[in-house]
Amino acid sequence: MQYSESHHVEPGTEEHELLRAYLQAEYRIIVPQSRVPGAGAHFTDLLSGGPLFIMDTGFGDNPLAVAFATRIIPLGEFWMTGGAGLPATSTMVKKVLGRLSQQHLVLDRAFTNPHKAALLCVRTLLESGASRRIKYKTVGGDPRASGRHHAPASEREMENTMATASPGRNSPCPCGSGKRFKRCCGGR
């Protein structure tokens, strides 16, 4: 938001279109419906019930076993992620929805205060162990080079593994606060 207020961007340019899309970013809890390998996945927004197609190759290659809480950005007829999505089991989602309701952050199937709701979602999921469900995935090259490659031992283990990126300590926090991860949700 600060960037858009302090920098003039010429309407009609690609930078203007991207900036406009980022300003329309929304934090959502999404439930996968079907994958499109190598491209993304079809989701349902948990609160509104509306359908979404999210372009993200990680989602196109992941199992459909869990929901995700993530910031998404509209780009034409599809959406893209705007940070690391936190995987959430049904138990975790119920806990998040309970806390959102207790703090009156959900009304008529929508967030009443999107920023506070996103923070509450991230904190609740991290407290519930969502980060333990995140595994690093090396794309291309030697998988041993990063030392973070995860190779599931069985098909069942693979269905329980989420291959999505976790934010680095100095990365922007996925909750959208604008702070570094280590100074925000990663500091817990």
N, C-alpha and C. Protein backbone atom coordinates (compact mmCIF):
# COMPACT_ATOMS: atom_id res chain seq x y z
N MET A 1 0.82 -1.17 0.00
CA MET A 1 0.00 0.00 0.00
C MET A 1 0.88 1.25 0.00
N GLN A 2 1.92 1.26 0.85
CA GLN A 2 2.80 2.42 0.91
C GLN A 2 3.46 2.68 -0.44
N TYR A 3 3.88 1.61 -1.11
CA TYR A 3 4.53 1.76 -2.41
C TYR A 3 3.58 2.43 -3.39
N SER A 4 2.34 1.97 -3.42
CA SER A 4 1.38 2.52 -4.37
C SER A 4 1.09 3.99 -4.11
N GLU A 5 1.18 4.40 -2.85
CA GLU A 5 0.92 5.80 -2.51
C GLU A 5 2.13 6.70 -2.80
N SER A 6 3.32 6.13 -2.76
CA SER A 6 4.52 6.96 -2.94
C SER A 6 5.13 6.88 -4.34
N HIS A 7 4.67 5.98 -5.20
CA HIS A 7 5.22 5.84 -6.55
C HIS A 7 4.11 5.96 -7.60
N HIS A 8 4.33 6.82 -8.54
CA HIS A 8 3.37 6.94 -9.64
C HIS A 8 3.66 5.84 -10.66
N VAL A 9 2.63 5.12 -11.01
CA VAL A 9 2.75 4.06 -12.01
C VAL A 9 1.79 4.41 -13.14
N GLU A 10 2.30 4.41 -14.35
CA GLU A 10 1.53 4.79 -15.53
C GLU A 10 0.41 3.78 -15.78
N PRO A 11 -0.85 4.24 -15.79
CA PRO A 11 -1.97 3.34 -16.08
C PRO A 11 -1.78 2.63 -17.43
N GLY A 12 -2.22 1.37 -17.48
CA GLY A 12 -2.11 0.59 -18.71
C GLY A 12 -0.82 -0.19 -18.83
N THR A 13 0.16 0.07 -17.97
CA THR A 13 1.42 -0.67 -18.03
C THR A 13 1.30 -1.97 -17.23
N GLU A 14 2.22 -2.90 -17.50
CA GLU A 14 2.22 -4.16 -16.75
C GLU A 14 2.43 -3.91 -15.27
N GLU A 15 3.30 -2.95 -14.92
CA GLU A 15 3.54 -2.64 -13.52
C GLU A 15 2.25 -2.14 -12.86
N HIS A 16 1.47 -1.34 -13.56
CA HIS A 16 0.20 -0.85 -13.02
C HIS A 16 -0.77 -2.01 -12.78
N GLU A 17 -0.86 -2.92 -13.74
CA GLU A 17 -1.77 -4.07 -13.60
C GLU A 17 -1.36 -4.95 -12.42
N LEU A 18 -0.05 -5.22 -12.28
CA LEU A 18 0.42 -6.04 -11.16
C LEU A 18 0.20 -5.34 -9.83
N LEU A 19 0.47 -4.07 -9.77
CA LEU A 19 0.27 -3.32 -8.54
C LEU A 19 -1.21 -3.34 -8.14
N ARG A 20 -2.08 -3.15 -9.12
CA ARG A 20 -3.52 -3.20 -8.86
C ARG A 20 -3.94 -4.58 -8.33
N ALA A 21 -3.36 -5.63 -8.91
CA ALA A 21 -3.66 -6.99 -8.45
C ALA A 21 -3.19 -7.20 -7.01
N TYR A 22 -1.97 -6.76 -6.70
CA TYR A 22 -1.45 -6.92 -5.34
C TYR A 22 -2.29 -6.16 -4.32
N LEU A 23 -2.82 -5.01 -4.70
CA LEU A 23 -3.66 -4.24 -3.80
C LEU A 23 -5.00 -4.93 -3.54
N GLN A 24 -5.37 -5.87 -4.41
CA GLN A 24 -6.61 -6.62 -4.24
C GLN A 24 -6.39 -7.98 -3.59
N ALA A 25 -5.17 -8.24 -3.11
CA ALA A 25 -4.85 -9.52 -2.48
C ALA A 25 -5.78 -9.76 -1.28
N GLU A 26 -6.10 -11.02 -1.06
CA GLU A 26 -6.99 -11.39 0.04
C GLU A 26 -6.43 -12.61 0.75
N TYR A 27 -6.61 -12.65 2.04
CA TYR A 27 -6.22 -13.84 2.81
C TYR A 27 -7.43 -14.76 2.82
N ARG A 28 -7.21 -16.01 2.51
CA ARG A 28 -8.31 -16.97 2.41
C ARG A 28 -7.93 -18.30 3.04
N ILE A 29 -8.94 -19.02 3.44
CA ILE A 29 -8.77 -20.42 3.82
C ILE A 29 -9.43 -21.19 2.68
N ILE A 30 -8.62 -22.00 1.99
CA ILE A 30 -9.08 -22.65 0.76
C ILE A 30 -8.99 -24.17 0.88
N VAL A 31 -9.93 -24.84 0.26
CA VAL A 31 -10.01 -26.29 0.29
C VAL A 31 -9.84 -26.81 -1.14
N PRO A 32 -8.82 -27.67 -1.37
CA PRO A 32 -8.59 -28.15 -2.73
C PRO A 32 -9.70 -29.09 -3.21
N GLN A 33 -10.05 -28.95 -4.48
CA GLN A 33 -11.07 -29.81 -5.09
C GLN A 33 -10.46 -30.74 -6.14
N SER A 34 -9.58 -30.19 -6.98
CA SER A 34 -8.91 -31.02 -7.99
C SER A 34 -7.60 -30.34 -8.40
N ARG A 35 -6.65 -31.17 -8.81
CA ARG A 35 -5.34 -30.65 -9.21
C ARG A 35 -5.23 -30.58 -10.72
N VAL A 36 -4.38 -29.67 -11.16
CA VAL A 36 -3.97 -29.60 -12.56
C VAL A 36 -2.45 -29.69 -12.51
N PRO A 37 -1.90 -30.93 -12.62
CA PRO A 37 -0.45 -31.11 -12.46
C PRO A 37 0.37 -30.14 -13.30
N GLY A 38 1.37 -29.56 -12.65
CA GLY A 38 2.25 -28.63 -13.33
C GLY A 38 1.69 -27.23 -13.50
N ALA A 39 0.43 -27.00 -13.06
CA ALA A 39 -0.17 -25.68 -13.25
C ALA A 39 -0.77 -25.11 -11.96
N GLY A 40 -1.58 -25.88 -11.26
CA GLY A 40 -2.24 -25.36 -10.07
C GLY A 40 -3.34 -26.28 -9.61
N ALA A 41 -4.35 -25.70 -8.98
CA ALA A 41 -5.45 -26.51 -8.46
C ALA A 41 -6.72 -25.67 -8.37
N HIS A 42 -7.84 -26.38 -8.42
CA HIS A 42 -9.15 -25.77 -8.22
C HIS A 42 -9.45 -25.87 -6.72
N PHE A 43 -9.92 -24.77 -6.14
CA PHE A 43 -10.22 -24.71 -4.72
C PHE A 43 -11.62 -24.17 -4.50
N THR A 44 -12.11 -24.36 -3.28
CA THR A 44 -13.32 -23.70 -2.81
C THR A 44 -12.91 -22.84 -1.63
N ASP A 45 -13.34 -21.58 -1.62
CA ASP A 45 -13.09 -20.71 -0.48
C ASP A 45 -13.95 -21.21 0.67
N LEU A 46 -13.34 -21.48 1.81
CA LEU A 46 -14.05 -22.08 2.93
C LEU A 46 -15.17 -21.18 3.46
N LEU A 47 -14.94 -19.88 3.50
CA LEU A 47 -15.96 -18.99 4.03
C LEU A 47 -17.07 -18.70 3.03
N SER A 48 -16.70 -18.24 1.83
CA SER A 48 -17.72 -17.83 0.86
C SER A 48 -18.31 -19.00 0.08
N GLY A 49 -17.56 -20.10 0.01
CA GLY A 49 -18.01 -21.23 -0.78
C GLY A 49 -17.74 -21.08 -2.27
N GLY A 50 -17.16 -19.94 -2.65
CA GLY A 50 -16.90 -19.68 -4.06
C GLY A 50 -15.73 -20.48 -4.61
N PRO A 51 -15.77 -20.80 -5.91
CA PRO A 51 -14.69 -21.55 -6.55
C PRO A 51 -13.54 -20.62 -6.95
N LEU A 52 -12.31 -21.17 -6.93
CA LEU A 52 -11.11 -20.44 -7.33
C LEU A 52 -10.19 -21.38 -8.08
N PHE A 53 -9.50 -20.87 -9.08
CA PHE A 53 -8.39 -21.63 -9.66
C PHE A 53 -7.13 -20.88 -9.30
N ILE A 54 -6.20 -21.55 -8.63
CA ILE A 54 -4.96 -20.92 -8.20
C ILE A 54 -3.81 -21.50 -9.00
N MET A 55 -3.12 -20.59 -9.74
CA MET A 55 -1.94 -20.98 -10.51
C MET A 55 -0.77 -21.06 -9.55
N ASP A 56 -0.33 -22.25 -9.24
CA ASP A 56 0.81 -22.48 -8.35
C ASP A 56 1.20 -23.94 -8.57
N THR A 57 2.37 -24.15 -9.17
CA THR A 57 2.77 -25.51 -9.51
C THR A 57 2.85 -26.40 -8.27
N GLY A 58 3.17 -25.82 -7.11
CA GLY A 58 3.20 -26.61 -5.88
C GLY A 58 1.84 -27.21 -5.57
N PHE A 59 0.78 -26.43 -5.73
CA PHE A 59 -0.57 -26.95 -5.49
C PHE A 59 -0.94 -28.01 -6.52
N GLY A 60 -0.46 -27.87 -7.74
CA GLY A 60 -0.76 -28.83 -8.79
C GLY A 60 -0.11 -30.18 -8.55
N ASP A 61 0.92 -30.20 -7.71
CA ASP A 61 1.64 -31.45 -7.45
C ASP A 61 1.39 -32.02 -6.05
N ASN A 62 0.64 -31.32 -5.21
CA ASN A 62 0.39 -31.76 -3.84
C ASN A 62 -0.87 -32.61 -3.74
N PRO A 63 -0.94 -33.44 -2.69
CA PRO A 63 -2.16 -34.21 -2.45
C PRO A 63 -3.30 -33.26 -2.06
N LEU A 64 -4.52 -33.74 -2.17
CA LEU A 64 -5.69 -32.92 -1.88
C LEU A 64 -6.18 -33.11 -0.45
N ALA A 65 -5.34 -33.59 0.44
CA ALA A 65 -5.75 -34.00 1.78
C ALA A 65 -5.99 -32.88 2.78
N VAL A 66 -5.48 -31.68 2.56
CA VAL A 66 -5.61 -30.63 3.56
C VAL A 66 -6.03 -29.30 2.94
N ALA A 67 -6.56 -28.44 3.78
CA ALA A 67 -6.89 -27.07 3.38
C ALA A 67 -5.63 -26.23 3.50
N PHE A 68 -5.68 -25.00 3.01
CA PHE A 68 -4.55 -24.07 3.12
C PHE A 68 -5.08 -22.70 3.55
N ALA A 69 -4.28 -22.01 4.33
CA ALA A 69 -4.56 -20.62 4.66
C ALA A 69 -3.45 -19.83 3.99
N THR A 70 -3.82 -18.93 3.09
CA THR A 70 -2.80 -18.22 2.32
C THR A 70 -3.36 -16.91 1.76
N ARG A 71 -2.47 -16.03 1.41
CA ARG A 71 -2.85 -14.79 0.74
C ARG A 71 -2.86 -15.10 -0.76
N ILE A 72 -3.93 -14.70 -1.43
CA ILE A 72 -4.02 -14.93 -2.87
C ILE A 72 -4.25 -13.61 -3.60
N ILE A 73 -3.77 -13.58 -4.84
CA ILE A 73 -3.78 -12.35 -5.64
C ILE A 73 -4.53 -12.63 -6.94
N PRO A 74 -5.53 -11.80 -7.28
CA PRO A 74 -6.29 -12.03 -8.52
C PRO A 74 -5.51 -11.61 -9.76
N LEU A 75 -5.51 -12.47 -10.76
CA LEU A 75 -4.90 -12.16 -12.05
C LEU A 75 -5.83 -12.67 -13.13
N GLY A 76 -6.71 -11.82 -13.58
CA GLY A 76 -7.67 -12.22 -14.62
C GLY A 76 -8.64 -13.25 -14.07
N GLU A 77 -8.71 -14.40 -14.73
CA GLU A 77 -9.67 -15.43 -14.34
C GLU A 77 -9.10 -16.42 -13.33
N PHE A 78 -7.85 -16.24 -12.94
CA PHE A 78 -7.28 -17.13 -11.94
C PHE A 78 -6.60 -16.31 -10.86
N TRP A 79 -6.11 -16.99 -9.86
CA TRP A 79 -5.45 -16.36 -8.73
C TRP A 79 -4.05 -16.95 -8.62
N MET A 80 -3.16 -16.27 -7.90
CA MET A 80 -1.86 -16.84 -7.58
C MET A 80 -1.61 -16.60 -6.10
N THR A 81 -0.71 -17.37 -5.53
CA THR A 81 -0.43 -17.20 -4.12
C THR A 81 0.49 -16.01 -3.91
N GLY A 82 0.38 -15.40 -2.76
CA GLY A 82 1.21 -14.25 -2.42
C GLY A 82 2.02 -14.53 -1.18
N GLY A 83 2.55 -15.72 -1.07
CA GLY A 83 3.33 -16.12 0.10
C GLY A 83 3.13 -17.59 0.35
N ALA A 84 3.80 -18.08 1.36
CA ALA A 84 3.69 -19.50 1.69
C ALA A 84 2.32 -19.80 2.28
N GLY A 85 1.67 -20.82 1.76
CA GLY A 85 0.40 -21.26 2.32
C GLY A 85 0.63 -22.20 3.47
N LEU A 86 -0.14 -22.06 4.54
CA LEU A 86 -0.03 -22.97 5.67
C LEU A 86 -1.04 -24.09 5.52
N PRO A 87 -0.58 -25.34 5.51
CA PRO A 87 -1.51 -26.46 5.42
C PRO A 87 -2.29 -26.60 6.71
N ALA A 88 -3.57 -26.93 6.61
CA ALA A 88 -4.43 -27.03 7.78
C ALA A 88 -5.32 -28.24 7.71
N THR A 89 -5.24 -29.09 8.72
CA THR A 89 -6.13 -30.24 8.82
C THR A 89 -7.51 -29.74 9.23
N SER A 90 -8.50 -30.62 9.19
CA SER A 90 -9.86 -30.20 9.57
C SER A 90 -9.90 -29.76 11.04
N THR A 91 -9.13 -30.41 11.91
CA THR A 91 -9.07 -30.01 13.32
C THR A 91 -8.51 -28.61 13.45
N MET A 92 -7.45 -28.32 12.70
CA MET A 92 -6.85 -26.98 12.74
C MET A 92 -7.83 -25.94 12.22
N VAL A 93 -8.54 -26.25 11.14
CA VAL A 93 -9.50 -25.31 10.56
C VAL A 93 -10.61 -25.01 11.56
N LYS A 94 -11.10 -26.04 12.26
CA LYS A 94 -12.15 -25.81 13.27
C LYS A 94 -11.65 -24.89 14.38
N LYS A 95 -10.40 -25.06 14.79
CA LYS A 95 -9.82 -24.21 15.82
C LYS A 95 -9.72 -22.76 15.32
N VAL A 96 -9.26 -22.58 14.08
CA VAL A 96 -9.17 -21.24 13.49
C VAL A 96 -10.56 -20.60 13.41
N LEU A 97 -11.53 -21.33 12.89
CA LEU A 97 -12.88 -20.78 12.75
C LEU A 97 -13.48 -20.43 14.11
N GLY A 98 -13.21 -21.25 15.12
CA GLY A 98 -13.68 -20.96 16.47
C GLY A 98 -13.10 -19.66 17.01
N ARG A 99 -11.81 -19.47 16.83
CA ARG A 99 -11.16 -18.24 17.29
C ARG A 99 -11.64 -17.02 16.50
N LEU A 100 -11.80 -17.17 15.20
CA LEU A 100 -12.31 -16.07 14.38
C LEU A 100 -13.70 -15.66 14.87
N SER A 101 -14.53 -16.64 15.17
CA SER A 101 -15.88 -16.38 15.65
C SER A 101 -15.86 -15.71 17.03
N GLN A 102 -15.04 -16.22 17.93
CA GLN A 102 -14.94 -15.65 19.27
C GLN A 102 -14.54 -14.18 19.24
N GLN A 103 -13.66 -13.83 18.33
CA GLN A 103 -13.17 -12.46 18.25
C GLN A 103 -13.98 -11.61 17.25
N HIS A 104 -15.11 -12.16 16.81
CA HIS A 104 -16.01 -11.44 15.89
C HIS A 104 -15.29 -10.98 14.62
N LEU A 105 -14.42 -11.84 14.09
CA LEU A 105 -13.68 -11.51 12.87
C LEU A 105 -14.30 -12.12 11.63
N VAL A 106 -15.45 -12.81 11.81
CA VAL A 106 -16.18 -13.38 10.68
C VAL A 106 -17.65 -13.02 10.84
N LEU A 107 -18.23 -12.50 9.76
CA LEU A 107 -19.64 -12.16 9.74
C LEU A 107 -20.15 -12.37 8.32
N ASP A 108 -21.26 -13.05 8.19
CA ASP A 108 -21.85 -13.33 6.88
C ASP A 108 -20.85 -13.94 5.91
N ARG A 109 -20.10 -14.93 6.41
CA ARG A 109 -19.15 -15.71 5.60
C ARG A 109 -18.03 -14.86 5.00
N ALA A 110 -17.63 -13.81 5.72
CA ALA A 110 -16.52 -12.94 5.27
C ALA A 110 -15.79 -12.40 6.50
N PHE A 111 -14.53 -12.06 6.32
CA PHE A 111 -13.76 -11.46 7.40
C PHE A 111 -14.24 -10.04 7.65
N THR A 112 -14.43 -9.67 8.92
CA THR A 112 -14.82 -8.30 9.27
C THR A 112 -13.60 -7.38 9.29
N ASN A 113 -12.45 -7.92 9.65
CA ASN A 113 -11.19 -7.18 9.64
C ASN A 113 -10.15 -8.11 9.02
N PRO A 114 -9.95 -8.04 7.71
CA PRO A 114 -9.08 -8.99 7.02
C PRO A 114 -7.66 -9.08 7.58
N HIS A 115 -7.08 -7.96 8.00
CA HIS A 115 -5.70 -8.00 8.52
C HIS A 115 -5.65 -8.77 9.84
N LYS A 116 -6.54 -8.44 10.78
CA LYS A 116 -6.56 -9.15 12.07
C LYS A 116 -6.92 -10.62 11.88
N ALA A 117 -7.82 -10.91 10.96
CA ALA A 117 -8.21 -12.29 10.70
C ALA A 117 -7.03 -13.10 10.16
N ALA A 118 -6.27 -12.50 9.25
CA ALA A 118 -5.09 -13.20 8.70
C ALA A 118 -4.07 -13.47 9.80
N LEU A 119 -3.81 -12.49 10.65
CA LEU A 119 -2.87 -12.69 11.75
C LEU A 119 -3.34 -13.80 12.68
N LEU A 120 -4.62 -13.81 13.01
CA LEU A 120 -5.16 -14.83 13.88
C LEU A 120 -5.06 -16.21 13.24
N CYS A 121 -5.36 -16.30 11.93
CA CYS A 121 -5.24 -17.58 11.21
C CYS A 121 -3.81 -18.11 11.27
N VAL A 122 -2.85 -17.25 10.93
CA VAL A 122 -1.44 -17.67 10.90
C VAL A 122 -0.99 -18.10 12.29
N ARG A 123 -1.26 -17.29 13.29
CA ARG A 123 -0.82 -17.63 14.65
C ARG A 123 -1.45 -18.92 15.15
N THR A 124 -2.74 -19.09 14.91
CA THR A 124 -3.42 -20.31 15.35
C THR A 124 -2.86 -21.53 14.65
N LEU A 125 -2.64 -21.43 13.35
CA LEU A 125 -2.11 -22.58 12.61
C LEU A 125 -0.68 -22.91 13.04
N LEU A 126 0.14 -21.89 13.27
CA LEU A 126 1.51 -22.15 13.74
C LEU A 126 1.49 -22.79 15.12
N GLU A 127 0.63 -22.30 16.01
CA GLU A 127 0.49 -22.91 17.35
C GLU A 127 0.02 -24.35 17.25
N SER A 128 -0.78 -24.64 16.25
CA SER A 128 -1.34 -25.99 16.06
C SER A 128 -0.40 -26.93 15.33
N GLY A 129 0.77 -26.45 14.94
CA GLY A 129 1.75 -27.32 14.30
C GLY A 129 1.71 -27.36 12.79
N ALA A 130 1.09 -26.39 12.15
CA ALA A 130 1.02 -26.39 10.69
C ALA A 130 2.40 -26.39 10.05
N SER A 131 3.35 -25.73 10.70
CA SER A 131 4.70 -25.65 10.10
C SER A 131 5.38 -27.02 10.07
N ARG A 132 4.95 -27.95 10.90
CA ARG A 132 5.53 -29.30 10.87
C ARG A 132 5.08 -30.07 9.63
N ARG A 133 4.01 -29.61 8.99
CA ARG A 133 3.50 -30.27 7.79
C ARG A 133 4.13 -29.72 6.51
N ILE A 134 5.00 -28.73 6.67
CA ILE A 134 5.65 -28.12 5.51
C ILE A 134 6.98 -28.80 5.28
N LYS A 135 7.23 -29.18 4.05
CA LYS A 135 8.49 -29.80 3.65
C LYS A 135 9.07 -29.01 2.50
N TYR A 136 10.38 -28.92 2.46
CA TYR A 136 11.04 -28.25 1.35
C TYR A 136 11.11 -29.18 0.16
N LYS A 137 11.07 -28.61 -1.00
CA LYS A 137 11.15 -29.38 -2.23
C LYS A 137 12.17 -28.71 -3.13
N THR A 138 13.17 -29.47 -3.56
CA THR A 138 14.17 -28.94 -4.46
C THR A 138 13.64 -29.08 -5.88
N VAL A 139 13.66 -28.00 -6.62
CA VAL A 139 13.18 -28.03 -8.00
C VAL A 139 14.40 -28.03 -8.90
N GLY A 140 14.58 -29.10 -9.66
CA GLY A 140 15.70 -29.22 -10.58
C GLY A 140 17.03 -29.36 -9.85
N GLY A 141 18.05 -29.70 -10.58
CA GLY A 141 19.39 -29.81 -9.99
C GLY A 141 19.52 -31.00 -9.07
N ASP A 142 20.61 -31.01 -8.32
CA ASP A 142 20.92 -32.10 -7.40
C ASP A 142 20.13 -31.91 -6.11
N PRO A 143 19.21 -32.85 -5.78
CA PRO A 143 18.40 -32.69 -4.58
C PRO A 143 19.23 -32.68 -3.30
N ARG A 144 20.44 -33.20 -3.33
CA ARG A 144 21.27 -33.21 -2.12
C ARG A 144 21.97 -31.87 -1.92
N ALA A 145 21.97 -31.02 -2.92
CA ALA A 145 22.71 -29.75 -2.85
C ALA A 145 22.18 -28.85 -1.74
N SER A 146 20.88 -28.78 -1.57
CA SER A 146 20.34 -27.89 -0.55
C SER A 146 20.29 -28.56 0.81
N GLY A 147 20.34 -29.87 0.84
CA GLY A 147 20.25 -30.58 2.11
C GLY A 147 18.85 -30.56 2.69
N ARG A 148 17.88 -30.05 1.94
CA ARG A 148 16.53 -29.94 2.47
C ARG A 148 15.54 -30.76 1.66
N HIS A 149 16.03 -31.60 0.79
CA HIS A 149 15.14 -32.39 -0.05
C HIS A 149 14.42 -33.43 0.81
N HIS A 150 13.16 -33.62 0.56
CA HIS A 150 12.38 -34.61 1.28
C HIS A 150 11.90 -35.65 0.28
N ALA A 151 12.32 -36.86 0.47
CA ALA A 151 11.88 -37.94 -0.41
C ALA A 151 11.02 -38.90 0.41
N PRO A 152 9.70 -38.88 0.24
CA PRO A 152 8.83 -39.76 1.01
C PRO A 152 9.18 -41.23 0.80
N ALA A 153 9.11 -42.00 1.87
CA ALA A 153 9.49 -43.41 1.80
C ALA A 153 8.37 -44.26 1.20
N SER A 154 7.14 -43.81 1.29
CA SER A 154 6.04 -44.61 0.79
C SER A 154 4.98 -43.70 0.18
N GLU A 155 4.06 -44.32 -0.56
CA GLU A 155 2.97 -43.57 -1.17
C GLU A 155 2.09 -42.94 -0.08
N ARG A 156 1.86 -43.67 1.02
CA ARG A 156 1.05 -43.12 2.11
C ARG A 156 1.72 -41.91 2.74
N GLU A 157 3.03 -42.00 2.96
CA GLU A 157 3.77 -40.86 3.52
C GLU A 157 3.72 -39.68 2.56
N MET A 158 3.77 -39.98 1.25
CA MET A 158 3.72 -38.91 0.27
C MET A 158 2.38 -38.18 0.35
N GLU A 159 1.29 -38.87 0.57
CA GLU A 159 -0.01 -38.23 0.68
C GLU A 159 -0.09 -37.33 1.91
N ASN A 160 0.74 -37.59 2.93
CA ASN A 160 0.74 -36.77 4.14
C ASN A 160 1.78 -35.66 4.11
N THR A 161 2.52 -35.54 3.02
CA THR A 161 3.59 -34.56 2.93
C THR A 161 3.14 -33.37 2.10
N MET A 162 3.36 -32.18 2.62
CA MET A 162 3.06 -30.97 1.87
C MET A 162 4.39 -30.42 1.36
N ALA A 163 4.55 -30.33 0.05
CA ALA A 163 5.78 -29.81 -0.54
C ALA A 163 5.57 -28.35 -0.90
N THR A 164 5.66 -27.49 0.09
CA THR A 164 5.46 -26.07 -0.13
C THR A 164 6.56 -25.31 0.59
N ALA A 165 6.84 -24.13 0.16
CA ALA A 165 7.95 -23.37 0.73
C ALA A 165 7.57 -22.75 2.06
N SER A 166 8.48 -22.80 3.00
CA SER A 166 8.33 -22.11 4.26
C SER A 166 9.11 -20.82 4.16
N PRO A 167 8.61 -19.75 4.76
CA PRO A 167 9.35 -18.50 4.64
C PRO A 167 10.68 -18.54 5.37
N GLY A 168 11.68 -17.88 4.82
CA GLY A 168 12.96 -17.75 5.49
C GLY A 168 12.83 -16.73 6.61
N ARG A 169 13.76 -16.72 7.53
CA ARG A 169 13.69 -15.81 8.68
C ARG A 169 13.58 -14.35 8.26
N ASN A 170 14.26 -13.98 7.19
CA ASN A 170 14.25 -12.58 6.75
C ASN A 170 13.26 -12.31 5.62
N SER A 171 12.45 -13.31 5.28
CA SER A 171 11.42 -13.12 4.26
C SER A 171 10.26 -12.34 4.84
N PRO A 172 9.47 -11.69 3.98
CA PRO A 172 8.26 -11.04 4.49
C PRO A 172 7.34 -12.09 5.11
N CYS A 173 6.69 -11.73 6.20
CA CYS A 173 5.80 -12.68 6.88
C CYS A 173 4.60 -12.99 5.98
N PRO A 174 4.21 -14.28 5.86
CA PRO A 174 3.08 -14.64 5.00
C PRO A 174 1.74 -14.13 5.50
N CYS A 175 1.70 -13.61 6.73
CA CYS A 175 0.43 -13.08 7.24
C CYS A 175 0.09 -11.73 6.63
N GLY A 176 1.08 -11.10 5.96
CA GLY A 176 0.82 -9.84 5.30
C GLY A 176 1.04 -8.61 6.16
N SER A 177 1.67 -8.77 7.32
CA SER A 177 1.90 -7.64 8.22
C SER A 177 2.91 -6.64 7.69
N GLY A 178 3.77 -7.07 6.76
CA GLY A 178 4.83 -6.22 6.25
C GLY A 178 6.12 -6.36 7.04
N LYS A 179 6.07 -7.11 8.14
CA LYS A 179 7.26 -7.34 8.95
C LYS A 179 8.00 -8.56 8.42
N ARG A 180 9.27 -8.70 8.84
CA ARG A 180 10.02 -9.91 8.51
C ARG A 180 9.44 -11.06 9.32
N PHE A 181 9.50 -12.27 8.76
CA PHE A 181 8.94 -13.45 9.40
C PHE A 181 9.48 -13.64 10.81
N LYS A 182 10.79 -13.42 11.02
CA LYS A 182 11.39 -13.64 12.34
C LYS A 182 10.87 -12.63 13.37
N ARG A 183 10.42 -11.46 12.92
CA ARG A 183 9.93 -10.43 13.83
C ARG A 183 8.41 -10.50 14.02
N CYS A 184 7.77 -11.42 13.30
CA CYS A 184 6.31 -11.51 13.37
C CYS A 184 5.91 -12.92 13.79
N CYS A 185 5.31 -13.68 12.90
CA CYS A 185 4.80 -15.01 13.23
C CYS A 185 5.90 -16.04 13.49
N GLY A 186 7.09 -15.82 12.94
CA GLY A 186 8.19 -16.76 13.16
C GLY A 186 8.85 -16.58 14.51
N GLY A 187 8.51 -15.52 15.22
CA GLY A 187 9.11 -15.27 16.52
C GLY A 187 8.44 -16.00 17.66
N ARG A 188 7.44 -16.78 17.36
CA ARG A 188 6.70 -17.49 18.41
C ARG A 188 7.36 -18.78 18.78
